[in-house]
C-alpha atoms as a PDB file:
ATOM      1  CA  MET A   1      90.361 109.728  81.384  1.00  0.00           C
ATOM      2  CA  LYS A   2      91.202 108.370  84.816  1.00  0.00           C
ATOM      3  CA  PRO A   3      94.780 107.128  85.303  1.00  0.00           C
ATOM      4  CA  GLN A   4      95.191 103.374  85.617  1.00  0.00           C
ATOM      5  CA  VAL A   5      97.232 101.876  88.406  1.00  0.00           C
ATOM      6  CA  LYS A   6      99.734  99.247  87.307  1.00  0.00           C
ATOM      7  CA  LYS A   7     101.105  97.858  90.579  1.00  0.00           C
ATOM      8  CA  ILE A   8     100.025  98.158  94.214  1.00  0.00           C
ATOM      9  CA  ILE A   9     102.219  96.980  97.078  1.00  0.00           C
ATOM     10  CA  LEU A  10     101.644  96.775 100.826  1.00  0.00           C
ATOM     11  CA  ALA A  11     103.876  98.988 102.950  1.00  0.00           C
ATOM     12  CA  PRO A  12     106.251  97.746 105.667  1.00  0.00           C
ATOM     13  CA  MET A  13     104.508  99.340 108.648  1.00  0.00           C
ATOM     14  CA  GLU A  14     106.647  98.725 111.707  1.00  0.00           C
ATOM     15  CA  GLY A  15     104.737  97.200 114.606  1.00  0.00           C
ATOM     16  CA  VAL A  16     101.528  96.963 112.580  1.00  0.00           C
ATOM     17  CA  ALA A  17     101.899  94.987 109.343  1.00  0.00           C
ATOM     18  CA  ASP A  18     103.031  91.715 110.864  1.00  0.00           C
ATOM     19  CA  GLN A  19     102.361  88.230 109.519  1.00  0.00           C
ATOM     20  CA  LEU A  20      98.729  88.134 110.668  1.00  0.00           C
ATOM     21  CA  MET A  21      97.895  91.501 109.159  1.00  0.00           C
ATOM     22  CA  ARG A  22      99.678  90.601 105.915  1.00  0.00           C
ATOM     23  CA  GLN A  23      97.709  87.359 105.788  1.00  0.00           C
ATOM     24  CA  LEU A  24      94.397  89.165 106.211  1.00  0.00           C
ATOM     25  CA  LEU A  25      95.062  92.005 103.780  1.00  0.00           C
ATOM     26  CA  THR A  26      96.527  89.849 101.026  1.00  0.00           C
ATOM     27  CA  SER A  27      93.570  87.459 101.317  1.00  0.00           C
ATOM     28  CA  LEU A  28      91.272  90.396 100.530  1.00  0.00           C
ATOM     29  CA  ASN A  29      93.336  92.185  97.889  1.00  0.00           C
ATOM     30  CA  SER A  30      95.394  91.547  94.806  1.00  0.00           C
ATOM     31  CA  TYR A  31      98.697  93.036  95.995  1.00  0.00           C
ATOM     32  CA  ASP A  32     101.664  92.613  93.678  1.00  0.00           C
ATOM     33  CA  PHE A  33     103.948  92.016  96.651  1.00  0.00           C
ATOM     34  CA  CYS A  34     104.463  92.935 100.302  1.00  0.00           C
ATOM     35  CA  ILE A  35     107.491  94.331 102.067  1.00  0.00           C
ATOM     36  CA  THR A  36     108.173  93.148 105.609  1.00  0.00           C
ATOM     37  CA  GLU A  37     108.865  95.209 108.674  1.00  0.00           C
ATOM     38  CA  PHE A  38     112.570  96.039 108.756  1.00  0.00           C
ATOM     39  CA  VAL A  39     115.364  93.823 110.049  1.00  0.00           C
ATOM     40  CA  ARG A  40     117.777  96.109 111.933  1.00  0.00           C
ATOM     41  CA  VAL A  41     121.393  95.677 110.836  1.00  0.00           C
ATOM     42  CA  VAL A  42     124.166  97.157 112.968  1.00  0.00           C
ATOM     43  CA  ASP A  43     127.617  95.579 112.874  1.00  0.00           C
ATOM     44  CA  SER A  44     127.034  91.858 112.558  1.00  0.00           C
ATOM     45  CA  LEU A  45     125.224  89.129 110.669  1.00  0.00           C
ATOM     46  CA  VAL A  46     121.706  89.027 112.079  1.00  0.00           C
ATOM     47  CA  PRO A  47     120.758  85.528 113.349  1.00  0.00           C
ATOM     48  CA  LYS A  48     118.389  83.544 111.163  1.00  0.00           C
ATOM     49  CA  HIS A  49     115.802  83.340 113.924  1.00  0.00           C
ATOM     50  CA  VAL A  50     115.448  87.144 113.812  1.00  0.00           C
ATOM     51  CA  PHE A  51     114.687  86.991 110.093  1.00  0.00           C
ATOM     52  CA  ARG A  52     112.148  84.230 110.761  1.00  0.00           C
ATOM     53  CA  LYS A  53     110.495  86.254 113.513  1.00  0.00           C
ATOM     54  CA  THR A  54     110.125  89.235 111.177  1.00  0.00           C
ATOM     55  CA  CYS A  55     109.055  87.061 108.266  1.00  0.00           C
ATOM     56  CA  PRO A  56     107.464  83.788 109.456  1.00  0.00           C
ATOM     57  CA  GLU A  57     106.436  83.271 105.824  1.00  0.00           C
ATOM     58  CA  ILE A  58     109.988  82.036 105.249  1.00  0.00           C
ATOM     59  CA  ALA A  59     108.464  78.650 106.107  1.00  0.00           C
ATOM     60  CA  ASN A  60     106.255  79.110 103.021  1.00  0.00           C
ATOM     61  CA  HIS A  61     109.083  80.181 100.701  1.00  0.00           C
ATOM     62  CA  CYS A  62     108.343  83.847 101.501  1.00  0.00           C
ATOM     63  CA  TYR A  63     104.785  83.820 100.217  1.00  0.00           C
ATOM     64  CA  THR A  64     101.651  84.673 102.151  1.00  0.00           C
ATOM     65  CA  GLU A  65      99.022  81.943 102.332  1.00  0.00           C
ATOM     66  CA  ASN A  66      97.307  83.238  99.199  1.00  0.00           C
ATOM     67  CA  GLY A  67     100.583  83.335  97.242  1.00  0.00           C
ATOM     68  CA  THR A  68     101.579  86.999  97.496  1.00  0.00           C
ATOM     69  CA  PRO A  69     105.396  87.273  97.442  1.00  0.00           C
ATOM     70  CA  LEU A  70     107.272  88.931 100.296  1.00  0.00           C
ATOM     71  CA  ARG A  71     110.405  91.036 100.099  1.00  0.00           C
ATOM     72  CA  MET A  72     112.437  91.516 103.267  1.00  0.00           C
ATOM     73  CA  GLN A  73     113.473  95.011 104.255  1.00  0.00           C
ATOM     74  CA  LEU A  74     116.813  95.874 105.851  1.00  0.00           C
ATOM     75  CA  LEU A  75     117.634  99.005 107.811  1.00  0.00           C
ATOM     76  CA  GLY A  76     121.215  99.954 108.620  1.00  0.00           C
ATOM     77  CA  GLN A  77     124.147 102.185 107.821  1.00  0.00           C
ATOM     78  CA  GLU A  78     127.166  99.888 107.344  1.00  0.00           C
ATOM     79  CA  PRO A  79     127.445  98.911 103.643  1.00  0.00           C
ATOM     80  CA  ASP A  80     129.382  95.665 104.197  1.00  0.00           C
ATOM     81  CA  TRP A  81     127.069  94.370 106.913  1.00  0.00           C
ATOM     82  CA  MET A  82     124.012  95.386 104.916  1.00  0.00           C
ATOM     83  CA  ALA A  83     125.413  93.335 102.034  1.00  0.00           C
ATOM     84  CA  GLU A  84     126.086  90.294 104.224  1.00  0.00           C
ATOM     85  CA  ASN A  85     122.586  90.384 105.652  1.00  0.00           C
ATOM     86  CA  ALA A  86     121.076  90.854 102.211  1.00  0.00           C
ATOM     87  CA  ILE A  87     122.751  87.607 101.159  1.00  0.00           C
ATOM     88  CA  ARG A  88     121.263  85.870 104.197  1.00  0.00           C
ATOM     89  CA  ALA A  89     117.770  87.200 103.428  1.00  0.00           C
ATOM     90  CA  ILE A  90     117.965  85.943  99.850  1.00  0.00           C
ATOM     91  CA  GLU A  91     119.246  82.551 101.014  1.00  0.00           C
ATOM     92  CA  LEU A  92     116.202  82.349 103.311  1.00  0.00           C
ATOM     93  CA  GLY A  93     113.908  82.904 100.337  1.00  0.00           C
ATOM     94  CA  SER A  94     113.203  86.654 100.207  1.00  0.00           C
ATOM     95  CA  HIS A  95     111.895  87.831  96.833  1.00  0.00           C
ATOM     96  CA  GLY A  96     114.450  90.586  96.501  1.00  0.00           C
ATOM     97  CA  ILE A  97     115.789  93.113  99.020  1.00  0.00           C
ATOM     98  CA  ASP A  98     114.309  96.438 100.098  1.00  0.00           C
ATOM     99  CA  VAL A  99     116.413  99.001 101.961  1.00  0.00           C
ATOM    100  CA  ASN A 100     114.797 101.459 104.366  1.00  0.00           C
ATOM    101  CA  PHE A 101     115.909 105.079 104.103  1.00  0.00           C
ATOM    102  CA  GLY A 102     112.592 106.493 105.245  1.00  0.00           C
ATOM    103  CA  CYS A 103     111.946 105.492 108.872  1.00  0.00           C
ATOM    104  CA  PRO A 104     111.392 108.724 110.878  1.00  0.00           C
ATOM    105  CA  ALA A 105     111.701 107.135 114.350  1.00  0.00           C
ATOM    106  CA  LYS A 106     114.050 109.125 116.602  1.00  0.00           C
ATOM    107  CA  ALA A 107     115.695 106.011 118.049  1.00  0.00           C
ATOM    108  CA  VAL A 108     116.473 104.692 114.574  1.00  0.00           C
ATOM    109  CA  ASN A 109     117.712 108.042 113.267  1.00  0.00           C
ATOM    110  CA  LYS A 110     119.873 108.588 116.359  1.00  0.00           C
ATOM    111  CA  SER A 111     121.749 105.380 115.554  1.00  0.00           C
ATOM    112  CA  LYS A 112     122.341 106.500 111.945  1.00  0.00           C
ATOM    113  CA  GLY A 113     119.588 104.457 110.321  1.00  0.00           C
ATOM    114  CA  GLY A 114     116.458 105.230 108.346  1.00  0.00           C
ATOM    115  CA  ALA A 115     115.585 108.771 107.249  1.00  0.00           C
ATOM    116  CA  VAL A 116     118.722 110.385 108.691  1.00  0.00           C
ATOM    117  CA  LEU A 117     120.651 108.887 105.763  1.00  0.00           C
ATOM    118  CA  LEU A 118     118.686 111.145 103.419  1.00  0.00           C
ATOM    119  CA  ASN A 119     121.224 113.776 104.456  1.00  0.00           C
ATOM    120  CA  GLU A 120     123.963 111.607 102.924  1.00  0.00           C
ATOM    121  CA  PRO A 121     123.136 110.580  99.337  1.00  0.00           C
ATOM    122  CA  GLU A 122     126.673 109.258  98.908  1.00  0.00           C
ATOM    123  CA  LYS A 123     126.149 106.867 101.840  1.00  0.00           C
ATOM    124  CA  ILE A 124     122.899 105.689 100.275  1.00  0.00           C
ATOM    125  CA  TYR A 125     124.811 104.993  97.066  1.00  0.00           C
ATOM    126  CA  GLN A 126     127.511 103.063  98.947  1.00  0.00           C
ATOM    127  CA  ILE A 127     124.989 100.895 100.798  1.00  0.00           C
ATOM    128  CA  LEU A 128     122.959 100.043  97.719  1.00  0.00           C
ATOM    129  CA  THR A 129     126.056  99.448  95.571  1.00  0.00           C
ATOM    130  CA  ARG A 130     127.408  96.922  98.078  1.00  0.00           C
ATOM    131  CA  VAL A 131     124.035  95.211  98.412  1.00  0.00           C
ATOM    132  CA  ARG A 132     123.651  95.051  94.629  1.00  0.00           C
ATOM    133  CA  ALA A 133     127.119  93.485  94.245  1.00  0.00           C
ATOM    134  CA  ALA A 134     126.306  90.947  96.969  1.00  0.00           C
ATOM    135  CA  ILE A 135     122.926  89.742  95.681  1.00  0.00           C
ATOM    136  CA  GLY A 136     123.716  89.884  91.963  1.00  0.00           C
ATOM    137  CA  GLU A 137     122.133  91.639  89.033  1.00  0.00           C
ATOM    138  CA  SER A 138     119.225  89.217  88.618  1.00  0.00           C
ATOM    139  CA  THR A 139     117.787  89.797  92.123  1.00  0.00           C
ATOM    140  CA  ILE A 140     115.459  92.763  92.554  1.00  0.00           C
ATOM    141  CA  LEU A 141     116.799  95.557  94.747  1.00  0.00           C
ATOM    142  CA  SER A 142     114.491  98.341  95.909  1.00  0.00           C
ATOM    143  CA  ALA A 143     114.603 101.228  98.341  1.00  0.00           C
ATOM    144  CA  LYS A 144     112.128 103.338 100.304  1.00  0.00           C
ATOM    145  CA  ILE A 145     112.804 107.018 100.913  1.00  0.00           C
ATOM    146  CA  ARG A 146     111.094 110.253 101.916  1.00  0.00           C
ATOM    147  CA  LEU A 147     111.376 113.576 100.111  1.00  0.00           C
ATOM    148  CA  GLY A 148     114.254 114.461 102.398  1.00  0.00           C
ATOM    149  CA  PHE A 149     115.103 114.984 106.043  1.00  0.00           C
ATOM    150  CA  ASN A 150     114.187 118.623 106.755  1.00  0.00           C
ATOM    151  CA  ASP A 151     113.290 119.593 103.183  1.00  0.00           C
ATOM    152  CA  ALA A 152     113.375 118.270  99.616  1.00  0.00           C
ATOM    153  CA  SER A 153     116.546 120.079  98.538  1.00  0.00           C
ATOM    154  CA  LYS A 154     118.528 116.841  98.107  1.00  0.00           C
ATOM    155  CA  LEU A 155     115.719 114.791  96.569  1.00  0.00           C
ATOM    156  CA  ASN A 156     117.084 114.611  93.034  1.00  0.00           C
ATOM    157  CA  GLU A 157     120.544 113.745  94.373  1.00  0.00           C
ATOM    158  CA  ILE A 158     119.047 110.972  96.514  1.00  0.00           C
ATOM    159  CA  VAL A 159     117.115 109.456  93.614  1.00  0.00           C
ATOM    160  CA  SER A 160     120.197 109.692  91.386  1.00  0.00           C
ATOM    161  CA  ALA A 161     122.165 107.800  94.052  1.00  0.00           C
ATOM    162  CA  VAL A 162     119.530 105.052  94.193  1.00  0.00           C
ATOM    163  CA  GLU A 163     119.369 104.749  90.418  1.00  0.00           C
ATOM    164  CA  SER A 164     123.161 104.868  89.971  1.00  0.00           C
ATOM    165  CA  ALA A 165     123.495 101.977  92.413  1.00  0.00           C
ATOM    166  CA  ASN A 166     121.381  99.946  89.969  1.00  0.00           C
ATOM    167  CA  ALA A 167     118.340  99.520  92.190  1.00  0.00           C
ATOM    168  CA  GLY A 168     115.290  98.543  90.171  1.00  0.00           C
ATOM    169  CA  GLN A 169     112.456 100.062  92.179  1.00  0.00           C
ATOM    170  CA  LEU A 170     112.016 103.057  94.461  1.00  0.00           C
ATOM    171  CA  THR A 171     109.137 103.961  96.777  1.00  0.00           C
ATOM    172  CA  ILE A 172     108.854 107.628  97.686  1.00  0.00           C
ATOM    173  CA  HIS A 173     106.849 108.615 100.745  1.00  0.00           C
ATOM    174  CA  ALA A 174     105.844 112.098  99.669  1.00  0.00           C
ATOM    175  CA  ARG A 175     106.745 113.854 102.904  1.00  0.00           C
ATOM    176  CA  THR A 176     109.993 114.749 104.652  1.00  0.00           C
ATOM    177  CA  LYS A 177     111.133 113.300 107.938  1.00  0.00           C
ATOM    178  CA  LEU A 178     110.269 116.653 109.505  1.00  0.00           C
ATOM    179  CA  ASP A 179     106.716 116.359 108.139  1.00  0.00           C
ATOM    180  CA  GLY A 180     106.295 113.011 109.875  1.00  0.00           C
ATOM    181  CA  TYR A 181     102.821 111.709 109.023  1.00  0.00           C
ATOM    182  CA  ARG A 182     101.048 115.055 108.987  1.00  0.00           C
ATOM    183  CA  PRO A 183      98.916 115.703 105.910  1.00  0.00           C
ATOM    184  CA  PRO A 184      99.186 116.600 103.156  1.00  0.00           C
ATOM    185  CA  ALA A 185     101.481 114.417 101.085  1.00  0.00           C
ATOM    186  CA  TYR A 186     103.368 116.338  98.395  1.00  0.00           C
ATOM    187  CA  TRP A 187     102.866 113.974  95.462  1.00  0.00           C
ATOM    188  CA  HIS A 188     103.822 116.590  92.866  1.00  0.00           C
ATOM    189  CA  PHE A 189     107.468 116.284  93.874  1.00  0.00           C
ATOM    190  CA  ILE A 190     107.428 112.742  92.497  1.00  0.00           C
ATOM    191  CA  ALA A 191     106.306 113.865  89.025  1.00  0.00           C
ATOM    192  CA  GLU A 192     109.604 115.653  88.385  1.00  0.00           C
ATOM    193  CA  LEU A 193     111.448 112.428  89.192  1.00  0.00           C
ATOM    194  CA  THR A 194     109.336 110.071  87.083  1.00  0.00           C
ATOM    195  CA  GLN A 195     110.030 112.262  84.063  1.00  0.00           C
ATOM    196  CA  LYS A 196     113.767 112.494  84.733  1.00  0.00           C
ATOM    197  CA  HIS A 197     114.678 108.986  85.955  1.00  0.00           C
ATOM    198  CA  LYS A 198     114.149 105.538  84.461  1.00  0.00           C
ATOM    199  CA  ILE A 199     113.858 103.667  87.773  1.00  0.00           C
ATOM    200  CA  GLU A 200     110.390 102.246  88.526  1.00  0.00           C
ATOM    201  CA  ILE A 201     108.814 104.571  91.092  1.00  0.00           C
ATOM    202  CA  PHE A 202     106.015 103.874  93.597  1.00  0.00           C
ATOM    203  CA  ALA A 203     104.144 106.768  95.239  1.00  0.00           C
ATOM    204  CA  ASN A 204     103.248 106.519  98.931  1.00  0.00           C
ATOM    205  CA  GLY A 205     101.503 108.683 101.512  1.00  0.00           C
ATOM    206  CA  GLU A 206      97.943 109.859 102.316  1.00  0.00           C
ATOM    207  CA  ILE A 207      96.147 107.353 100.064  1.00  0.00           C
ATOM    208  CA  TRP A 208      92.936 106.607 101.952  1.00  0.00           C
ATOM    209  CA  SER A 209      90.433 106.177  99.101  1.00  0.00           C
ATOM    210  CA  LYS A 210      89.965 105.617  95.373  1.00  0.00           C
ATOM    211  CA  ASN A 211      89.844 109.390  94.850  1.00  0.00           C
ATOM    212  CA  ASP A 212      93.100 109.838  96.771  1.00  0.00           C
ATOM    213  CA  ALA A 213      94.704 107.190  94.569  1.00  0.00           C
ATOM    214  CA  ILE A 214      93.530 108.944  91.396  1.00  0.00           C
ATOM    215  CA  ASN A 215      94.813 112.297  92.651  1.00  0.00           C
ATOM    216  CA  CYS A 216      98.119 110.718  93.621  1.00  0.00           C
ATOM    217  CA  LEU A 217      98.546 109.064  90.211  1.00  0.00           C
ATOM    218  CA  ASN A 218      97.707 112.328  88.454  1.00  0.00           C
ATOM    219  CA  GLN A 219     100.075 114.428  90.523  1.00  0.00           C
ATOM    220  CA  SER A 220     102.962 111.954  90.778  1.00  0.00           C
ATOM    221  CA  LYS A 221     102.864 110.873  87.110  1.00  0.00           C
ATOM    222  CA  THR A 222     103.534 107.276  88.115  1.00  0.00           C
ATOM    223  CA  THR A 223     101.363 104.174  87.729  1.00  0.00           C
ATOM    224  CA  ASN A 224     102.498 102.435  90.911  1.00  0.00           C
ATOM    225  CA  LEU A 225     101.311 102.854  94.502  1.00  0.00           C
ATOM    226  CA  MET A 226     102.348 101.677  97.949  1.00  0.00           C
ATOM    227  CA  LEU A 227      99.507 101.562 100.482  1.00  0.00           C
ATOM    228  CA  GLY A 228     100.193 102.027 104.174  1.00  0.00           C
ATOM    229  CA  ARG A 229      97.806 103.286 106.833  1.00  0.00           C
ATOM    230  CA  GLY A 230      95.002 103.622 104.286  1.00  0.00           C
ATOM    231  CA  ALA A 231      95.071  99.851 103.833  1.00  0.00           C
ATOM    232  CA  LEU A 232      94.477  99.443 107.569  1.00  0.00           C
ATOM    233  CA  ALA A 233      91.608 101.947 107.598  1.00  0.00           C
ATOM    234  CA  LEU A 234      89.855 100.318 104.620  1.00  0.00           C
ATOM    235  CA  PRO A 235      90.942  96.665 104.450  1.00  0.00           C
ATOM    236  CA  ASN A 236      90.000  96.115 100.779  1.00  0.00           C
ATOM    237  CA  LEU A 237      91.437  99.436  99.599  1.00  0.00           C
ATOM    238  CA  ALA A 238      93.824  97.897  97.053  1.00  0.00           C
ATOM    239  CA  ASN A 239      90.948  96.196  95.227  1.00  0.00           C
ATOM    240  CA  VAL A 240      88.787  99.311  95.519  1.00  0.00           C
ATOM    241  CA  ILE A 241      91.534 101.150  93.640  1.00  0.00           C
ATOM    242  CA  LYS A 242      92.438  98.382  91.193  1.00  0.00           C
ATOM    243  CA  PHE A 243      89.051  96.907  90.367  1.00  0.00           C
ATOM    244  CA  ASP A 244      86.466  99.454  91.565  1.00  0.00           C
ATOM    245  CA  GLU A 245      85.412  97.020  94.264  1.00  0.00           C
ATOM    246  CA  THR A 246      82.825  98.341  96.722  1.00  0.00           C
ATOM    247  CA  PRO A 247      84.394  99.491  99.997  1.00  0.00           C
ATOM    248  CA  MET A 248      83.952  96.784 102.622  1.00  0.00           C
ATOM    249  CA  PRO A 249      80.766  97.266 104.678  1.00  0.00           C
ATOM    250  CA  TRP A 250      80.851  96.965 108.455  1.00  0.00           C
ATOM    251  CA  SER A 251      78.975  93.640 108.360  1.00  0.00           C
ATOM    252  CA  ASP A 252      81.879  92.107 106.425  1.00  0.00           C
ATOM    253  CA  LEU A 253      84.466  93.884 108.525  1.00  0.00           C
ATOM    254  CA  SER A 254      82.989  92.488 111.738  1.00  0.00           C
ATOM    255  CA  LEU A 255      83.483  88.991 110.322  1.00  0.00           C
ATOM    256  CA  LEU A 256      87.055  89.938 109.425  1.00  0.00           C
ATOM    257  CA  LEU A 257      87.729  91.060 113.002  1.00  0.00           C
ATOM    258  CA  LYS A 258      86.518  87.677 114.240  1.00  0.00           C
ATOM    259  CA  ARG A 259      88.753  85.948 111.736  1.00  0.00           C
ATOM    260  CA  TYR A 260      91.653  88.024 113.049  1.00  0.00           C
ATOM    261  CA  SER A 261      90.993  86.623 116.511  1.00  0.00           C
ATOM    262  CA  GLU A 262      90.983  83.069 115.173  1.00  0.00           C
ATOM    263  CA  LEU A 263      94.320  83.466 113.397  1.00  0.00           C
ATOM    264  CA  GLU A 264      96.178  83.822 116.666  1.00  0.00           C
ATOM    265  CA  LEU A 265      94.143  81.351 118.720  1.00  0.00           C
ATOM    266  CA  HIS A 266      96.911  78.802 118.203  1.00  0.00           C
ATOM    267  CA  GLY A 267      99.113  80.771 120.573  1.00  0.00           C
ATOM    268  CA  ASN A 268      96.197  81.548 122.908  1.00  0.00           C
ATOM    269  CA  LYS A 269      97.529  85.082 123.402  1.00  0.00           C
ATOM    270  CA  SER A 270      94.460  87.047 124.411  1.00  0.00           C
ATOM    271  CA  PHE A 271      96.485  90.076 125.442  1.00  0.00           C
ATOM    272  CA  TYR A 272      98.201  90.183 122.057  1.00  0.00           C
ATOM    273  CA  PHE A 273      94.839  90.088 120.302  1.00  0.00           C
ATOM    274  CA  SER A 274      93.280  92.796 122.460  1.00  0.00           C
ATOM    275  CA  SER A 275      96.221  95.193 122.138  1.00  0.00           C
ATOM    276  CA  ARG A 276      96.640  94.663 118.379  1.00  0.00           C
ATOM    277  CA  LEU A 277      92.897  94.954 117.729  1.00  0.00           C
ATOM    278  CA  LYS A 278      92.756  98.256 119.633  1.00  0.00           C
ATOM    279  CA  GLN A 279      95.694  99.470 117.593  1.00  0.00           C
ATOM    280  CA  TRP A 280      93.933  98.481 114.367  1.00  0.00           C
ATOM    281  CA  LEU A 281      90.673 100.120 115.435  1.00  0.00           C
ATOM    282  CA  ARG A 282      92.471 103.476 115.656  1.00  0.00           C
ATOM    283  CA  TYR A 283      92.824 103.264 111.885  1.00  0.00           C
ATOM    284  CA  LEU A 284      89.464 101.628 111.165  1.00  0.00           C
ATOM    285  CA  LYS A 285      87.541 104.382 112.952  1.00  0.00           C
ATOM    286  CA  LEU A 286      88.752 106.785 110.247  1.00  0.00           C
ATOM    287  CA  GLN A 287      86.383 104.956 107.867  1.00  0.00           C
ATOM    288  CA  TYR A 288      83.818 103.267 110.145  1.00  0.00           C
ATOM    289  CA  ILE A 289      81.804 104.908 112.912  1.00  0.00           C
ATOM    290  CA  GLN A 290      81.177 101.428 114.330  1.00  0.00           C
ATOM    291  CA  ALA A 291      84.925 100.978 114.826  1.00  0.00           C
ATOM    292  CA  GLU A 292      85.004 103.971 117.144  1.00  0.00           C
ATOM    293  CA  GLN A 293      82.029 102.574 119.044  1.00  0.00           C
ATOM    294  CA  LEU A 294      83.803  99.236 119.341  1.00  0.00           C
ATOM    295  CA  PHE A 295      87.034 100.850 120.496  1.00  0.00           C
ATOM    296  CA  ASN A 296      85.211 102.721 123.261  1.00  0.00           C
ATOM    297  CA  ALA A 297      83.423  99.524 124.291  1.00  0.00           C
ATOM    298  CA  ILE A 298      86.559  97.366 124.554  1.00  0.00           C
ATOM    299  CA  LYS A 299      89.308  99.803 125.533  1.00  0.00           C
ATOM    300  CA  LEU A 300      89.417  98.385 129.075  1.00  0.00           C
ATOM    301  CA  LEU A 301      88.832  94.773 128.039  1.00  0.00           C
ATOM    302  CA  LYS A 302      91.525  92.133 127.590  1.00  0.00           C
ATOM    303  CA  ASN A 303      89.545  88.896 127.450  1.00  0.00           C
ATOM    304  CA  LYS A 304      88.982  87.703 123.897  1.00  0.00           C
ATOM    305  CA  ALA A 305      85.491  86.323 124.510  1.00  0.00           C
ATOM    306  CA  ASP A 306      84.336  89.640 125.979  1.00  0.00           C
ATOM    307  CA  ILE A 307      85.735  91.522 122.981  1.00  0.00           C
ATOM    308  CA  LEU A 308      84.052  89.198 120.478  1.00  0.00           C
ATOM    309  CA  GLN A 309      80.764  89.665 122.323  1.00  0.00           C
ATOM    310  CA  GLN A 310      81.068  93.431 121.843  1.00  0.00           C
ATOM    311  CA  ILE A 311      81.724  92.982 118.120  1.00  0.00           C
ATOM    312  CA  ASP A 312      78.495  90.962 117.838  1.00  0.00           C
ATOM    313  CA  LEU A 313      76.564  93.512 119.911  1.00  0.00           C
ATOM    314  CA  ILE A 314      77.603  96.510 117.797  1.00  0.00           C
ATOM    315  CA  THR A 315      76.991  94.600 114.573  1.00  0.00           C
ATOM    316  CA  SER A 316      73.518  93.511 115.657  1.00  0.00           C
ATOM    317  CA  VAL A 317      72.571  97.076 116.672  1.00  0.00           C
ATOM    318  CA  GLN A 318      73.791  98.385 113.328  1.00  0.00           C
ATOM    319  CA  SER A 319      71.808  95.746 111.439  1.00  0.00           C
ATOM    320  CA  SER A 320      68.544  96.383 113.288  1.00  0.00           C
END
């Protein structure tokens, strides 16, 4: 009997999963909620306009256009300032608070944020305890971690710290910081935790297909998934996993790419569209040969009309 997924959430992919991408992906899939890109907290209360830039959906009570709730993510190392900014995020409408202990970026880790804190489970406990006290017991508090920094030797201690701080949900990217994004993901590490801890756990990492999801659920012994890069490579992946939906064909994807261009027409930022589309195509070409053809055709183009013409050309050739 195949395992059944209970919840699927969209990952907070820095520099990729912005408002436009969240709008597209949640319009195609039944995500339980999304987590925003992180708001960096250092030693002050972050201005409201920074929160609004990270989460423009604040204007819609922190829901995407189709009604998927958004939870703002904070990244920082000072417990008191993390707590103050958590209060601000909730006041702005965030559906809970997520704390990032998984970002592998060198610049972030160098300034004592993200995955480097996996070396200090006690600091993780202090941060989450202060945030929990600030936002109250009735507001959901979650965290995102990796298996560890260089190895998984402190994993159980890290999860115990998260659970002891009374967080309600935990996403585990099944690789260490040292692993980066290199395959494979070590989902079996999560199984030991789901059997030992009561906190609701989401498995994350290397989920590109329905079969990957099934393998992940089997190995991790959880019923909850977070989708990251796989959701960019196959835009309807969440529904493929949840409802056995047919993977999106290129003919539909080409229409989606055009819709993506229309979403940002209001700002008339052709360069933004061309650079973000090229970035997206790097993921899409993992599932679609036409995406690689399109990338090669537009890699030197910046004008939106020229790019849209190439989308039509490749689609027409594929259909003939």
